[in-house]
N, C-alpha and C. Protein backbone atom coordinates (compact mmCIF):
# COMPACT_ATOMS: atom_id res chain seq x y z
N UNK A 1 162.37 -184.53 183.10
CA UNK A 1 162.69 -184.94 181.76
C UNK A 1 164.19 -185.18 181.67
N UNK A 2 164.58 -186.31 181.11
CA UNK A 2 165.99 -186.64 181.04
C UNK A 2 166.69 -185.88 179.93
N UNK A 3 168.01 -185.84 180.03
CA UNK A 3 168.79 -185.11 179.03
C UNK A 3 168.69 -185.76 177.65
N UNK A 4 168.54 -187.09 177.63
CA UNK A 4 168.42 -187.76 176.33
C UNK A 4 167.10 -187.38 175.64
N UNK A 5 166.05 -187.20 176.41
CA UNK A 5 164.76 -186.78 175.84
C UNK A 5 164.88 -185.37 175.29
N UNK A 6 165.56 -184.50 175.99
CA UNK A 6 165.76 -183.13 175.51
C UNK A 6 166.59 -183.11 174.23
N UNK A 7 167.59 -183.93 174.19
CA UNK A 7 168.44 -184.00 172.99
C UNK A 7 167.63 -184.49 171.80
N UNK A 8 166.83 -185.52 172.02
CA UNK A 8 166.00 -186.06 170.93
C UNK A 8 165.02 -184.99 170.44
N UNK A 9 164.37 -184.29 171.37
CA UNK A 9 163.44 -183.23 170.98
C UNK A 9 164.16 -182.13 170.21
N UNK A 10 165.32 -181.75 170.65
CA UNK A 10 166.08 -180.71 169.96
C UNK A 10 166.46 -181.16 168.56
N UNK A 11 166.89 -182.41 168.43
CA UNK A 11 167.24 -182.94 167.11
C UNK A 11 166.02 -182.97 166.18
N UNK A 12 164.87 -183.37 166.74
CA UNK A 12 163.65 -183.39 165.94
C UNK A 12 163.26 -181.99 165.48
N UNK A 13 163.41 -181.01 166.36
CA UNK A 13 163.11 -179.63 165.99
C UNK A 13 164.05 -179.12 164.91
N UNK A 14 165.33 -179.45 165.04
CA UNK A 14 166.31 -179.05 164.04
C UNK A 14 165.99 -179.71 162.69
N UNK A 15 165.64 -180.99 162.73
CA UNK A 15 165.29 -181.70 161.48
C UNK A 15 164.05 -181.09 160.85
N UNK A 16 163.05 -180.78 161.65
CA UNK A 16 161.82 -180.18 161.12
C UNK A 16 162.12 -178.80 160.52
N UNK A 17 162.96 -178.04 161.16
CA UNK A 17 163.33 -176.72 160.63
C UNK A 17 164.07 -176.85 159.31
N UNK A 18 164.95 -177.83 159.22
CA UNK A 18 165.70 -178.05 157.98
C UNK A 18 164.76 -178.46 156.85
N UNK A 19 163.80 -179.32 157.14
CA UNK A 19 162.84 -179.76 156.13
C UNK A 19 161.99 -178.57 155.66
N UNK A 20 161.54 -177.74 156.60
CA UNK A 20 160.76 -176.56 156.23
C UNK A 20 161.58 -175.58 155.40
N UNK A 21 162.82 -175.41 155.73
CA UNK A 21 163.69 -174.51 154.96
C UNK A 21 163.89 -175.03 153.54
N UNK A 22 164.09 -176.34 153.40
CA UNK A 22 164.25 -176.93 152.08
C UNK A 22 162.97 -176.80 151.26
N UNK A 23 161.83 -177.01 151.88
CA UNK A 23 160.55 -176.88 151.18
C UNK A 23 160.33 -175.43 150.74
N UNK A 24 160.68 -174.49 151.59
CA UNK A 24 160.53 -173.08 151.23
C UNK A 24 161.43 -172.72 150.06
N UNK A 25 162.64 -173.24 150.04
CA UNK A 25 163.56 -172.97 148.93
C UNK A 25 163.02 -173.55 147.63
N UNK A 26 162.48 -174.76 147.67
CA UNK A 26 161.91 -175.37 146.47
C UNK A 26 160.72 -174.56 145.98
N UNK A 27 159.88 -174.14 146.88
CA UNK A 27 158.71 -173.34 146.51
C UNK A 27 159.14 -172.02 145.87
N UNK A 28 160.15 -171.40 146.44
CA UNK A 28 160.67 -170.15 145.89
C UNK A 28 161.21 -170.36 144.48
N UNK A 29 161.95 -171.45 144.26
CA UNK A 29 162.50 -171.75 142.94
C UNK A 29 161.38 -171.99 141.93
N UNK A 30 160.36 -172.73 142.33
CA UNK A 30 159.25 -173.00 141.41
C UNK A 30 158.50 -171.72 141.08
N UNK A 31 158.34 -170.85 142.06
CA UNK A 31 157.65 -169.59 141.81
C UNK A 31 158.45 -168.72 140.84
N UNK A 32 159.76 -168.66 141.03
CA UNK A 32 160.61 -167.89 140.12
C UNK A 32 160.53 -168.45 138.70
N UNK A 33 160.54 -169.77 138.58
CA UNK A 33 160.43 -170.40 137.26
C UNK A 33 159.10 -170.06 136.61
N UNK A 34 158.03 -170.10 137.38
CA UNK A 34 156.71 -169.77 136.85
C UNK A 34 156.66 -168.31 136.40
N UNK A 35 157.23 -167.41 137.20
CA UNK A 35 157.23 -166.00 136.83
C UNK A 35 158.03 -165.76 135.56
N UNK A 36 159.17 -166.43 135.42
CA UNK A 36 159.97 -166.29 134.21
C UNK A 36 159.23 -166.83 132.99
N UNK A 37 158.51 -167.93 133.17
CA UNK A 37 157.74 -168.52 132.08
C UNK A 37 156.62 -167.58 131.65
N UNK A 38 155.92 -167.00 132.61
CA UNK A 38 154.85 -166.04 132.29
C UNK A 38 155.42 -164.84 131.57
N UNK A 39 156.54 -164.33 132.03
CA UNK A 39 157.17 -163.19 131.36
C UNK A 39 157.55 -163.55 129.92
N UNK A 40 158.07 -164.76 129.73
CA UNK A 40 158.44 -165.21 128.39
C UNK A 40 157.22 -165.29 127.47
N UNK A 41 156.13 -165.83 127.99
CA UNK A 41 154.90 -165.92 127.20
C UNK A 41 154.39 -164.52 126.84
N UNK A 42 154.41 -163.61 127.81
CA UNK A 42 153.98 -162.23 127.52
C UNK A 42 154.86 -161.60 126.45
N UNK A 43 156.16 -161.81 126.54
CA UNK A 43 157.07 -161.27 125.53
C UNK A 43 156.76 -161.83 124.15
N UNK A 44 156.48 -163.14 124.10
CA UNK A 44 156.16 -163.75 122.81
C UNK A 44 154.84 -163.21 122.25
N UNK A 45 153.85 -163.04 123.11
CA UNK A 45 152.58 -162.46 122.66
C UNK A 45 152.76 -161.02 122.19
N UNK A 46 153.56 -160.25 122.92
CA UNK A 46 153.79 -158.86 122.54
C UNK A 46 154.51 -158.74 121.20
N UNK A 47 155.29 -159.75 120.85
CA UNK A 47 156.04 -159.72 119.59
C UNK A 47 155.15 -160.00 118.38
N UNK A 48 153.96 -160.53 118.61
CA UNK A 48 153.07 -160.85 117.49
C UNK A 48 152.38 -159.59 116.98
N UNK A 49 151.98 -159.64 115.69
CA UNK A 49 151.19 -158.54 115.17
C UNK A 49 149.81 -158.60 115.82
N UNK A 50 149.10 -157.48 115.85
CA UNK A 50 147.81 -157.44 116.57
C UNK A 50 146.79 -158.49 116.13
N UNK A 51 146.69 -158.76 114.86
CA UNK A 51 145.71 -159.73 114.38
C UNK A 51 146.06 -161.14 114.86
N UNK A 52 147.32 -161.50 114.76
CA UNK A 52 147.76 -162.82 115.21
C UNK A 52 147.61 -162.95 116.72
N UNK A 53 147.96 -161.90 117.43
CA UNK A 53 147.82 -161.91 118.89
C UNK A 53 146.36 -162.11 119.28
N UNK A 54 145.45 -161.41 118.61
CA UNK A 54 144.03 -161.57 118.91
C UNK A 54 143.57 -162.99 118.63
N UNK A 55 144.06 -163.58 117.56
CA UNK A 55 143.69 -164.97 117.23
C UNK A 55 144.21 -165.94 118.28
N UNK A 56 145.42 -165.73 118.75
CA UNK A 56 146.00 -166.60 119.77
C UNK A 56 145.21 -166.49 121.08
N UNK A 57 144.91 -165.27 121.49
CA UNK A 57 144.16 -165.06 122.73
C UNK A 57 142.76 -165.67 122.59
N UNK A 58 142.11 -165.49 121.45
CA UNK A 58 140.79 -166.08 121.24
C UNK A 58 140.85 -167.59 121.31
N UNK A 59 141.88 -168.18 120.73
CA UNK A 59 142.03 -169.64 120.75
C UNK A 59 142.24 -170.15 122.17
N UNK A 60 143.10 -169.47 122.90
CA UNK A 60 143.34 -169.87 124.29
C UNK A 60 142.07 -169.73 125.13
N UNK A 61 141.35 -168.65 124.93
CA UNK A 61 140.10 -168.44 125.67
C UNK A 61 139.09 -169.53 125.33
N UNK A 62 138.98 -169.84 124.05
CA UNK A 62 138.04 -170.88 123.60
C UNK A 62 138.39 -172.23 124.21
N UNK A 63 139.68 -172.54 124.23
CA UNK A 63 140.12 -173.81 124.82
C UNK A 63 139.78 -173.89 126.30
N UNK A 64 139.95 -172.79 127.02
CA UNK A 64 139.64 -172.78 128.46
C UNK A 64 138.15 -172.90 128.70
N UNK A 65 137.33 -172.26 127.86
CA UNK A 65 135.88 -172.39 128.01
C UNK A 65 135.47 -173.84 127.81
N UNK A 66 136.06 -174.50 126.82
CA UNK A 66 135.75 -175.91 126.57
C UNK A 66 136.12 -176.77 127.77
N UNK A 67 137.26 -176.48 128.39
CA UNK A 67 137.69 -177.25 129.58
C UNK A 67 136.70 -177.06 130.72
N UNK A 68 136.27 -175.83 130.94
CA UNK A 68 135.36 -175.54 132.04
C UNK A 68 134.01 -176.22 131.78
N UNK A 69 133.52 -176.13 130.58
CA UNK A 69 132.24 -176.74 130.26
C UNK A 69 132.31 -178.27 130.34
N UNK A 70 133.45 -178.82 130.02
CA UNK A 70 133.62 -180.27 130.07
C UNK A 70 133.61 -180.81 131.48
N UNK A 71 133.97 -179.98 132.46
CA UNK A 71 134.04 -180.41 133.87
C UNK A 71 132.69 -180.30 134.56
N UNK A 72 131.78 -179.53 134.00
CA UNK A 72 130.48 -179.30 134.66
C UNK A 72 129.65 -180.54 134.73
């Protein structure tokens, strides 16, 4: 195997590693954003009075049931 072939393979491996590292960083950022959003929603639900909270949860549940039934 020539030295130019080894150099090309090494460069390809380095490029692939860089792409994987960038993808992992993006995935980590999206996961953190999702976790913060979920925490924010939980905080907002916790701030509601019990009757309003129950109504919101019932509405969300009803909407999801409609979505599931619509896909069947």
